[in-house]
Amino acid sequence: MPLLVKARSFLRNLFLSRRVEVGLDQEVHSHLEMLIAENIRKGMPPHEAQRATRIELGGVEQVKEQVRDSRTGAFLDSLLQDLRFTQRQLRRSPGFALTAVLILALGIAANVIVFGVLQALVLRQLDVPHADRMMTLQPKYGAPFLSYPEMRDVRDDNTAHPNDKGFSP
């Protein structure tokens, strides 16, 4: 379906929903009447033709619901209905609404804080010149940190000169 046709259908379903609903009702009833007339032409009595058609069609409201679900923009209509329902429920119990909003605010704030700390410590690059040339020092024998004599050895064996670019003691 071309984009222009989809957009027009979406806007019609969104802003002219009452007219679309009336059209849908007329279309389903005319389809029902056509099927009843076809069953009568096949030789069924009128009440039996009507019953067989309703069984075959599966119910008028079910057909309407299937058409509504397949329309362009049905998700937006469903979302608006959910938001109206939510608003009614929250207005009915304001204590629960306040509690829910506070819990959500605390959860969002905690996530922002944790992400901020994570970004500052882990994700952001170091604010030093030539950060890509930085190296980590690891102890020789599996100790959790370098001892002072090992740090002295690293300092004394260092080939970088204090006058090199990017060197800061």
N, C-alpha and C. Protein backbone atom coordinates (compact mmCIF):
# COMPACT_ATOMS: atom_id res chain seq x y z
N MET A 1 0.85 -1.17 0.00
CA MET A 1 0.00 0.00 0.00
C MET A 1 0.90 1.24 0.00
N PRO A 2 0.64 2.17 -0.93
CA PRO A 2 1.48 3.38 -0.98
C PRO A 2 1.40 4.18 0.32
N LEU A 3 2.45 4.93 0.57
CA LEU A 3 2.56 5.69 1.80
C LEU A 3 1.47 6.75 1.93
N LEU A 4 1.11 7.40 0.82
CA LEU A 4 0.09 8.43 0.87
C LEU A 4 -1.27 7.84 1.26
N VAL A 5 -1.57 6.66 0.74
CA VAL A 5 -2.84 6.00 1.07
C VAL A 5 -2.85 5.62 2.55
N LYS A 6 -1.72 5.12 3.04
CA LYS A 6 -1.63 4.76 4.46
C LYS A 6 -1.80 5.98 5.35
N ALA A 7 -1.16 7.08 4.98
CA ALA A 7 -1.25 8.30 5.78
C ALA A 7 -2.69 8.82 5.80
N ARG A 8 -3.35 8.81 4.64
CA ARG A 8 -4.74 9.28 4.57
C ARG A 8 -5.64 8.38 5.42
N SER A 9 -5.42 7.07 5.32
CA SER A 9 -6.22 6.13 6.11
C SER A 9 -5.99 6.34 7.61
N PHE A 10 -4.74 6.56 7.98
CA PHE A 10 -4.40 6.79 9.39
C PHE A 10 -5.10 8.03 9.92
N LEU A 11 -5.02 9.12 9.16
CA LEU A 11 -5.64 10.36 9.61
C LEU A 11 -7.17 10.23 9.66
N ARG A 12 -7.76 9.54 8.68
CA ARG A 12 -9.21 9.33 8.69
C ARG A 12 -9.61 8.52 9.92
N ASN A 13 -8.87 7.45 10.20
CA ASN A 13 -9.18 6.61 11.36
C ASN A 13 -8.99 7.37 12.67
N LEU A 14 -8.05 8.31 12.67
CA LEU A 14 -7.75 9.04 13.89
C LEU A 14 -8.77 10.15 14.16
N PHE A 15 -9.09 10.94 13.12
CA PHE A 15 -9.91 12.12 13.35
C PHE A 15 -11.39 11.93 13.01
N LEU A 16 -11.71 10.96 12.20
CA LEU A 16 -13.10 10.73 11.81
C LEU A 16 -13.57 9.36 12.29
N SER A 17 -13.23 9.03 13.52
CA SER A 17 -13.48 7.67 14.01
C SER A 17 -14.98 7.34 14.07
N ARG A 18 -15.81 8.32 14.39
CA ARG A 18 -17.26 8.04 14.44
C ARG A 18 -17.79 7.71 13.05
N ARG A 19 -17.38 8.47 12.06
CA ARG A 19 -17.83 8.21 10.69
C ARG A 19 -17.30 6.86 10.20
N VAL A 20 -16.06 6.56 10.51
CA VAL A 20 -15.47 5.28 10.12
C VAL A 20 -16.22 4.14 10.80
N GLU A 21 -16.59 4.33 12.04
CA GLU A 21 -17.32 3.29 12.79
C GLU A 21 -18.70 3.06 12.18
N VAL A 22 -19.38 4.14 11.80
CA VAL A 22 -20.70 4.00 11.16
C VAL A 22 -20.55 3.27 9.82
N GLY A 23 -19.54 3.64 9.06
CA GLY A 23 -19.28 2.97 7.77
C GLY A 23 -18.98 1.49 7.97
N LEU A 24 -18.21 1.17 8.99
CA LEU A 24 -17.90 -0.23 9.27
C LEU A 24 -19.17 -1.00 9.64
N ASP A 25 -20.01 -0.39 10.45
CA ASP A 25 -21.26 -1.04 10.85
C ASP A 25 -22.14 -1.31 9.62
N GLN A 26 -22.27 -0.32 8.75
CA GLN A 26 -23.07 -0.50 7.54
C GLN A 26 -22.48 -1.58 6.63
N GLU A 27 -21.16 -1.58 6.49
CA GLU A 27 -20.52 -2.55 5.62
C GLU A 27 -20.70 -3.98 6.14
N VAL A 28 -20.52 -4.18 7.44
CA VAL A 28 -20.68 -5.53 8.00
C VAL A 28 -22.12 -6.00 7.88
N HIS A 29 -23.09 -5.11 8.14
CA HIS A 29 -24.50 -5.50 8.03
C HIS A 29 -24.89 -5.78 6.58
N SER A 30 -24.35 -5.00 5.62
CA SER A 30 -24.67 -5.28 4.21
C SER A 30 -24.05 -6.60 3.78
N HIS A 31 -22.84 -6.88 4.26
CA HIS A 31 -22.21 -8.17 3.96
C HIS A 31 -23.03 -9.32 4.56
N LEU A 32 -23.51 -9.12 5.76
CA LEU A 32 -24.35 -10.13 6.42
C LEU A 32 -25.63 -10.35 5.61
N GLU A 33 -26.27 -9.28 5.16
CA GLU A 33 -27.50 -9.41 4.37
C GLU A 33 -27.23 -10.09 3.04
N MET A 34 -26.08 -9.80 2.40
CA MET A 34 -25.74 -10.46 1.13
C MET A 34 -25.56 -11.96 1.34
N LEU A 35 -24.89 -12.35 2.43
CA LEU A 35 -24.71 -13.78 2.69
C LEU A 35 -26.04 -14.46 3.01
N ILE A 36 -26.93 -13.77 3.72
CA ILE A 36 -28.25 -14.33 4.01
C ILE A 36 -29.03 -14.52 2.71
N ALA A 37 -28.99 -13.51 1.83
CA ALA A 37 -29.70 -13.60 0.54
C ALA A 37 -29.14 -14.74 -0.30
N GLU A 38 -27.82 -14.92 -0.27
CA GLU A 38 -27.20 -16.01 -1.03
C GLU A 38 -27.65 -17.36 -0.49
N ASN A 39 -27.75 -17.50 0.84
CA ASN A 39 -28.22 -18.76 1.43
C ASN A 39 -29.69 -19.01 1.11
N ILE A 40 -30.48 -17.95 1.05
CA ILE A 40 -31.90 -18.10 0.68
C ILE A 40 -32.00 -18.55 -0.78
N ARG A 41 -31.17 -17.98 -1.67
CA ARG A 41 -31.17 -18.40 -3.08
C ARG A 41 -30.79 -19.88 -3.21
N LYS A 42 -29.96 -20.37 -2.28
CA LYS A 42 -29.57 -21.79 -2.33
C LYS A 42 -30.70 -22.70 -1.85
N GLY A 43 -31.78 -22.10 -1.33
CA GLY A 43 -32.93 -22.90 -0.95
C GLY A 43 -33.17 -23.02 0.54
N MET A 44 -32.45 -22.31 1.37
CA MET A 44 -32.66 -22.36 2.82
C MET A 44 -33.84 -21.48 3.20
N PRO A 45 -34.59 -21.87 4.22
CA PRO A 45 -35.62 -20.97 4.75
C PRO A 45 -34.94 -19.74 5.38
N PRO A 46 -35.64 -18.58 5.41
CA PRO A 46 -35.02 -17.33 5.89
C PRO A 46 -34.40 -17.42 7.27
N HIS A 47 -35.09 -18.01 8.25
CA HIS A 47 -34.51 -18.07 9.60
C HIS A 47 -33.30 -18.99 9.64
N GLU A 48 -33.32 -20.07 8.85
CA GLU A 48 -32.16 -20.98 8.79
C GLU A 48 -31.00 -20.33 8.05
N ALA A 49 -31.29 -19.55 7.02
CA ALA A 49 -30.24 -18.85 6.27
C ALA A 49 -29.56 -17.82 7.17
N GLN A 50 -30.36 -17.13 7.97
CA GLN A 50 -29.80 -16.13 8.88
C GLN A 50 -28.91 -16.79 9.93
N ARG A 51 -29.37 -17.91 10.47
CA ARG A 51 -28.60 -18.63 11.48
C ARG A 51 -27.28 -19.16 10.90
N ALA A 52 -27.34 -19.77 9.73
CA ALA A 52 -26.14 -20.32 9.08
C ALA A 52 -25.14 -19.22 8.75
N THR A 53 -25.67 -18.07 8.31
CA THR A 53 -24.78 -16.95 7.98
C THR A 53 -24.08 -16.42 9.22
N ARG A 54 -24.81 -16.28 10.32
CA ARG A 54 -24.19 -15.80 11.56
C ARG A 54 -23.14 -16.78 12.07
N ILE A 55 -23.40 -18.07 11.93
CA ILE A 55 -22.41 -19.07 12.34
C ILE A 55 -21.18 -18.98 11.44
N GLU A 56 -21.40 -18.85 10.12
CA GLU A 56 -20.30 -18.77 9.16
C GLU A 56 -19.47 -17.51 9.37
N LEU A 57 -20.15 -16.39 9.60
CA LEU A 57 -19.45 -15.12 9.78
C LEU A 57 -18.74 -15.05 11.12
N GLY A 58 -19.29 -15.68 12.14
CA GLY A 58 -18.64 -15.70 13.44
C GLY A 58 -19.07 -14.58 14.36
N GLY A 59 -20.13 -13.90 14.05
CA GLY A 59 -20.61 -12.84 14.92
C GLY A 59 -20.21 -11.48 14.39
N VAL A 60 -21.16 -10.56 14.41
CA VAL A 60 -20.95 -9.22 13.84
C VAL A 60 -19.89 -8.46 14.63
N GLU A 61 -19.98 -8.47 15.94
CA GLU A 61 -19.03 -7.71 16.76
C GLU A 61 -17.61 -8.25 16.65
N GLN A 62 -17.48 -9.57 16.52
CA GLN A 62 -16.13 -10.14 16.36
C GLN A 62 -15.51 -9.70 15.03
N VAL A 63 -16.33 -9.66 13.98
CA VAL A 63 -15.81 -9.20 12.68
C VAL A 63 -15.39 -7.74 12.77
N LYS A 64 -16.22 -6.91 13.42
CA LYS A 64 -15.87 -5.50 13.58
C LYS A 64 -14.56 -5.35 14.35
N GLU A 65 -14.40 -6.15 15.40
CA GLU A 65 -13.17 -6.07 16.20
C GLU A 65 -11.95 -6.47 15.39
N GLN A 66 -12.08 -7.48 14.54
CA GLN A 66 -10.96 -7.88 13.68
C GLN A 66 -10.60 -6.76 12.71
N VAL A 67 -11.61 -6.09 12.15
CA VAL A 67 -11.35 -4.99 11.23
C VAL A 67 -10.69 -3.84 11.97
N ARG A 68 -11.17 -3.52 13.16
CA ARG A 68 -10.57 -2.43 13.94
C ARG A 68 -9.10 -2.72 14.25
N ASP A 69 -8.79 -3.97 14.58
CA ASP A 69 -7.41 -4.33 14.91
C ASP A 69 -6.49 -4.25 13.70
N SER A 70 -7.03 -4.45 12.50
CA SER A 70 -6.18 -4.44 11.31
C SER A 70 -6.07 -3.06 10.68
N ARG A 71 -6.77 -2.07 11.20
CA ARG A 71 -6.72 -0.72 10.65
C ARG A 71 -5.37 -0.08 10.86
N THR A 72 -5.07 0.88 9.98
CA THR A 72 -3.88 1.70 10.15
C THR A 72 -4.11 2.62 11.35
N GLY A 73 -3.20 2.61 12.29
CA GLY A 73 -3.32 3.47 13.46
C GLY A 73 -4.09 2.83 14.61
N ALA A 74 -4.37 1.52 14.53
CA ALA A 74 -5.10 0.86 15.61
C ALA A 74 -4.30 0.91 16.91
N PHE A 75 -2.98 0.87 16.79
CA PHE A 75 -2.14 0.93 17.99
C PHE A 75 -2.31 2.25 18.73
N LEU A 76 -2.47 3.34 17.97
CA LEU A 76 -2.65 4.65 18.60
C LEU A 76 -4.01 4.74 19.30
N ASP A 77 -5.03 4.19 18.66
CA ASP A 77 -6.35 4.16 19.28
C ASP A 77 -6.32 3.35 20.57
N SER A 78 -5.64 2.21 20.52
CA SER A 78 -5.51 1.36 21.71
C SER A 78 -4.72 2.09 22.81
N LEU A 79 -3.68 2.78 22.41
CA LEU A 79 -2.88 3.53 23.38
C LEU A 79 -3.70 4.63 24.04
N LEU A 80 -4.50 5.34 23.25
CA LEU A 80 -5.34 6.41 23.81
C LEU A 80 -6.37 5.84 24.78
N GLN A 81 -6.96 4.69 24.43
CA GLN A 81 -7.91 4.06 25.34
C GLN A 81 -7.23 3.66 26.64
N ASP A 82 -6.02 3.11 26.54
CA ASP A 82 -5.28 2.72 27.75
C ASP A 82 -4.94 3.93 28.61
N LEU A 83 -4.56 5.03 27.97
CA LEU A 83 -4.23 6.24 28.73
C LEU A 83 -5.46 6.81 29.43
N ARG A 84 -6.62 6.79 28.75
CA ARG A 84 -7.85 7.26 29.39
C ARG A 84 -8.21 6.39 30.58
N PHE A 85 -8.07 5.08 30.42
CA PHE A 85 -8.37 4.16 31.51
C PHE A 85 -7.42 4.40 32.69
N THR A 86 -6.15 4.59 32.38
CA THR A 86 -5.15 4.86 33.42
C THR A 86 -5.48 6.14 34.16
N GLN A 87 -5.86 7.16 33.42
CA GLN A 87 -6.20 8.44 34.04
C GLN A 87 -7.40 8.28 34.98
N ARG A 88 -8.40 7.54 34.55
CA ARG A 88 -9.57 7.33 35.42
C ARG A 88 -9.17 6.58 36.69
N GLN A 89 -8.35 5.55 36.55
CA GLN A 89 -7.95 4.76 37.72
C GLN A 89 -7.11 5.59 38.68
N LEU A 90 -6.20 6.39 38.14
CA LEU A 90 -5.36 7.22 39.01
C LEU A 90 -6.16 8.31 39.70
N ARG A 91 -7.17 8.85 39.02
CA ARG A 91 -8.01 9.85 39.64
C ARG A 91 -8.86 9.23 40.75
N ARG A 92 -9.21 7.96 40.58
CA ARG A 92 -10.04 7.29 41.57
C ARG A 92 -9.28 7.00 42.86
N SER A 93 -7.97 6.74 42.75
CA SER A 93 -7.18 6.47 43.96
C SER A 93 -5.89 7.29 43.91
N PRO A 94 -5.93 8.53 44.36
CA PRO A 94 -4.77 9.42 44.27
C PRO A 94 -3.59 8.98 45.15
N GLY A 95 -3.85 8.29 46.26
CA GLY A 95 -2.75 7.81 47.10
C GLY A 95 -1.89 6.81 46.35
N PHE A 96 -2.55 5.89 45.67
CA PHE A 96 -1.81 4.91 44.87
C PHE A 96 -1.05 5.61 43.75
N ALA A 97 -1.68 6.61 43.13
CA ALA A 97 -1.03 7.34 42.04
C ALA A 97 0.23 8.02 42.54
N LEU A 98 0.15 8.67 43.68
CA LEU A 98 1.31 9.36 44.23
C LEU A 98 2.43 8.37 44.57
N THR A 99 2.05 7.24 45.16
CA THR A 99 3.04 6.21 45.50
C THR A 99 3.71 5.68 44.24
N ALA A 100 2.91 5.40 43.20
CA ALA A 100 3.48 4.88 41.96
C ALA A 100 4.43 5.88 41.32
N VAL A 101 4.05 7.16 41.31
CA VAL A 101 4.91 8.18 40.71
C VAL A 101 6.21 8.32 41.51
N LEU A 102 6.12 8.29 42.83
CA LEU A 102 7.34 8.40 43.65
C LEU A 102 8.27 7.22 43.45
N ILE A 103 7.70 6.01 43.37
CA ILE A 103 8.54 4.82 43.16
C ILE A 103 9.21 4.88 41.79
N LEU A 104 8.45 5.31 40.78
CA LEU A 104 9.05 5.44 39.45
C LEU A 104 10.15 6.50 39.45
N ALA A 105 9.92 7.62 40.12
CA ALA A 105 10.93 8.68 40.18
C ALA A 105 12.19 8.20 40.88
N LEU A 106 12.03 7.47 41.97
CA LEU A 106 13.20 6.95 42.67
C LEU A 106 13.95 5.93 41.82
N GLY A 107 13.22 5.09 41.11
CA GLY A 107 13.87 4.10 40.23
C GLY A 107 14.63 4.76 39.11
N ILE A 108 14.03 5.78 38.50
CA ILE A 108 14.71 6.48 37.41
C ILE A 108 15.93 7.22 37.95
N ALA A 109 15.80 7.86 39.10
CA ALA A 109 16.94 8.58 39.69
C ALA A 109 18.08 7.62 40.03
N ALA A 110 17.75 6.46 40.57
CA ALA A 110 18.80 5.48 40.89
C ALA A 110 19.51 5.02 39.63
N ASN A 111 18.76 4.79 38.55
CA ASN A 111 19.39 4.37 37.30
C ASN A 111 20.29 5.46 36.74
N VAL A 112 19.86 6.71 36.83
CA VAL A 112 20.67 7.82 36.33
C VAL A 112 21.96 7.92 37.13
N ILE A 113 21.87 7.79 38.44
CA ILE A 113 23.07 7.88 39.29
C ILE A 113 24.03 6.74 38.99
N VAL A 114 23.52 5.53 38.92
CA VAL A 114 24.39 4.37 38.64
C VAL A 114 25.04 4.51 37.28
N PHE A 115 24.28 4.91 36.28
CA PHE A 115 24.87 5.08 34.95
C PHE A 115 25.89 6.21 34.94
N GLY A 116 25.62 7.30 35.65
CA GLY A 116 26.59 8.39 35.72
C GLY A 116 27.90 7.96 36.33
N VAL A 117 27.83 7.20 37.42
CA VAL A 117 29.05 6.70 38.06
C VAL A 117 29.77 5.73 37.14
N LEU A 118 29.01 4.83 36.51
CA LEU A 118 29.61 3.85 35.60
C LEU A 118 30.29 4.55 34.44
N GLN A 119 29.64 5.56 33.90
CA GLN A 119 30.25 6.27 32.78
C GLN A 119 31.51 7.02 33.21
N ALA A 120 31.45 7.65 34.38
CA ALA A 120 32.61 8.40 34.86
C ALA A 120 33.80 7.49 35.15
N LEU A 121 33.54 6.30 35.68
CA LEU A 121 34.64 5.42 36.08
C LEU A 121 35.09 4.46 34.99
N VAL A 122 34.16 3.99 34.17
CA VAL A 122 34.50 2.91 33.25
C VAL A 122 34.40 3.31 31.79
N LEU A 123 33.32 3.95 31.39
CA LEU A 123 33.05 4.15 29.98
C LEU A 123 33.78 5.34 29.37
N ARG A 124 33.95 6.43 30.13
CA ARG A 124 34.60 7.62 29.59
C ARG A 124 36.11 7.42 29.54
N GLN A 125 36.71 7.91 28.47
CA GLN A 125 38.16 7.81 28.37
C GLN A 125 38.82 8.72 29.41
N LEU A 126 40.04 8.38 29.73
CA LEU A 126 40.79 9.18 30.70
C LEU A 126 41.06 10.56 30.12
N ASP A 127 41.05 11.54 30.96
CA ASP A 127 41.28 12.92 30.53
C ASP A 127 42.77 13.25 30.64
N VAL A 128 43.58 12.49 29.94
CA VAL A 128 45.04 12.70 29.92
C VAL A 128 45.49 12.70 28.47
N PRO A 129 46.59 13.37 28.20
CA PRO A 129 47.11 13.33 26.84
C PRO A 129 47.58 11.91 26.49
N HIS A 130 47.37 11.49 25.29
CA HIS A 130 47.78 10.17 24.78
C HIS A 130 47.20 9.04 25.63
N ALA A 131 45.92 9.09 25.88
CA ALA A 131 45.27 8.08 26.71
C ALA A 131 45.37 6.69 26.09
N ASP A 132 45.52 6.65 24.76
CA ASP A 132 45.64 5.34 24.10
C ASP A 132 46.98 4.68 24.38
N ARG A 133 47.96 5.44 24.90
CA ARG A 133 49.28 4.88 25.21
C ARG A 133 49.42 4.53 26.69
N MET A 134 48.36 4.71 27.47
CA MET A 134 48.41 4.39 28.90
C MET A 134 48.53 2.89 29.09
N MET A 135 49.23 2.50 30.16
CA MET A 135 49.40 1.09 30.48
C MET A 135 49.06 0.87 31.94
N THR A 136 48.65 -0.33 32.25
CA THR A 136 48.39 -0.67 33.65
C THR A 136 49.56 -1.48 34.18
N LEU A 137 49.84 -1.28 35.44
CA LEU A 137 50.91 -2.04 36.09
C LEU A 137 50.29 -3.17 36.88
N GLN A 138 50.84 -4.36 36.68
CA GLN A 138 50.33 -5.51 37.41
C GLN A 138 51.47 -6.15 38.19
N PRO A 139 51.19 -6.62 39.40
CA PRO A 139 52.25 -7.24 40.20
C PRO A 139 52.72 -8.54 39.59
N LYS A 140 53.94 -8.94 39.97
CA LYS A 140 54.55 -10.14 39.39
C LYS A 140 53.97 -11.43 39.94
N TYR A 141 53.69 -11.47 41.21
CA TYR A 141 53.36 -12.76 41.83
C TYR A 141 51.91 -12.87 42.29
N GLY A 142 50.99 -12.25 41.58
CA GLY A 142 49.57 -12.40 41.89
C GLY A 142 49.10 -11.61 43.09
N ALA A 143 49.93 -10.70 43.60
CA ALA A 143 49.50 -9.87 44.72
C ALA A 143 48.45 -8.88 44.20
N PRO A 144 47.55 -8.41 45.07
CA PRO A 144 46.49 -7.51 44.60
C PRO A 144 46.98 -6.12 44.23
N PHE A 145 48.16 -5.72 44.65
CA PHE A 145 48.66 -4.40 44.33
C PHE A 145 50.18 -4.46 44.26
N LEU A 146 50.76 -3.39 43.71
CA LEU A 146 52.22 -3.33 43.61
C LEU A 146 52.80 -2.85 44.93
N SER A 147 53.88 -3.48 45.34
CA SER A 147 54.54 -3.04 46.57
C SER A 147 55.41 -1.82 46.24
N TYR A 148 55.85 -1.12 47.28
CA TYR A 148 56.66 0.07 47.07
C TYR A 148 57.98 -0.25 46.36
N PRO A 149 58.65 -1.34 46.70
CA PRO A 149 59.88 -1.66 45.95
C PRO A 149 59.59 -1.91 44.45
N GLU A 150 58.45 -2.56 44.15
CA GLU A 150 58.13 -2.79 42.74
C GLU A 150 57.85 -1.46 42.03
N MET A 151 57.18 -0.53 42.71
CA MET A 151 56.92 0.78 42.12
C MET A 151 58.22 1.54 41.87
N ARG A 152 59.19 1.42 42.80
CA ARG A 152 60.50 2.05 42.61
C ARG A 152 61.21 1.47 41.40
N ASP A 153 61.12 0.14 41.25
CA ASP A 153 61.78 -0.51 40.10
C ASP A 153 61.17 -0.01 38.78
N VAL A 154 59.85 0.13 38.77
CA VAL A 154 59.20 0.62 37.55
C VAL A 154 59.64 2.05 37.28
N ARG A 155 59.68 2.88 38.31
CA ARG A 155 60.09 4.27 38.15
C ARG A 155 61.53 4.37 37.67
N ASP A 156 62.42 3.58 38.26
CA ASP A 156 63.84 3.67 37.92
C ASP A 156 64.14 3.09 36.54
N ASP A 157 63.39 2.06 36.12
CA ASP A 157 63.62 1.44 34.81
C ASP A 157 62.85 2.14 33.70
N ASN A 158 62.13 3.21 34.03
CA ASN A 158 61.31 3.91 33.05
C ASN A 158 62.21 4.57 32.03
N THR A 159 61.91 4.42 30.74
CA THR A 159 62.73 5.03 29.69
C THR A 159 62.15 6.36 29.23
N ALA A 160 60.96 6.73 29.71
CA ALA A 160 60.37 8.01 29.34
C ALA A 160 61.09 9.12 30.07
N HIS A 161 61.38 10.17 29.40
CA HIS A 161 62.10 11.28 29.98
C HIS A 161 61.09 12.36 30.38
N PRO A 162 61.29 13.04 31.53
CA PRO A 162 60.34 14.06 31.96
C PRO A 162 60.10 15.16 30.95
N ASN A 163 61.03 15.39 30.03
CA ASN A 163 60.86 16.44 29.04
C ASN A 163 60.09 15.97 27.80
N ASP A 164 59.76 14.64 27.74
CA ASP A 164 58.97 14.14 26.61
C ASP A 164 57.59 14.78 26.63
N LYS A 165 57.01 14.91 25.42
CA LYS A 165 55.66 15.47 25.34
C LYS A 165 54.69 14.54 26.04
N GLY A 166 53.77 15.11 26.77
CA GLY A 166 52.73 14.31 27.41
C GLY A 166 53.14 13.73 28.74
N PHE A 167 54.39 13.94 29.18
CA PHE A 167 54.83 13.39 30.46
C PHE A 167 54.47 14.36 31.56
N SER A 168 53.77 13.85 32.56
CA SER A 168 53.47 14.68 33.72
C SER A 168 53.69 13.83 34.96
N PRO A 169 54.55 14.27 35.89
CA PRO A 169 54.87 13.46 37.08
C PRO A 169 53.71 13.37 38.05
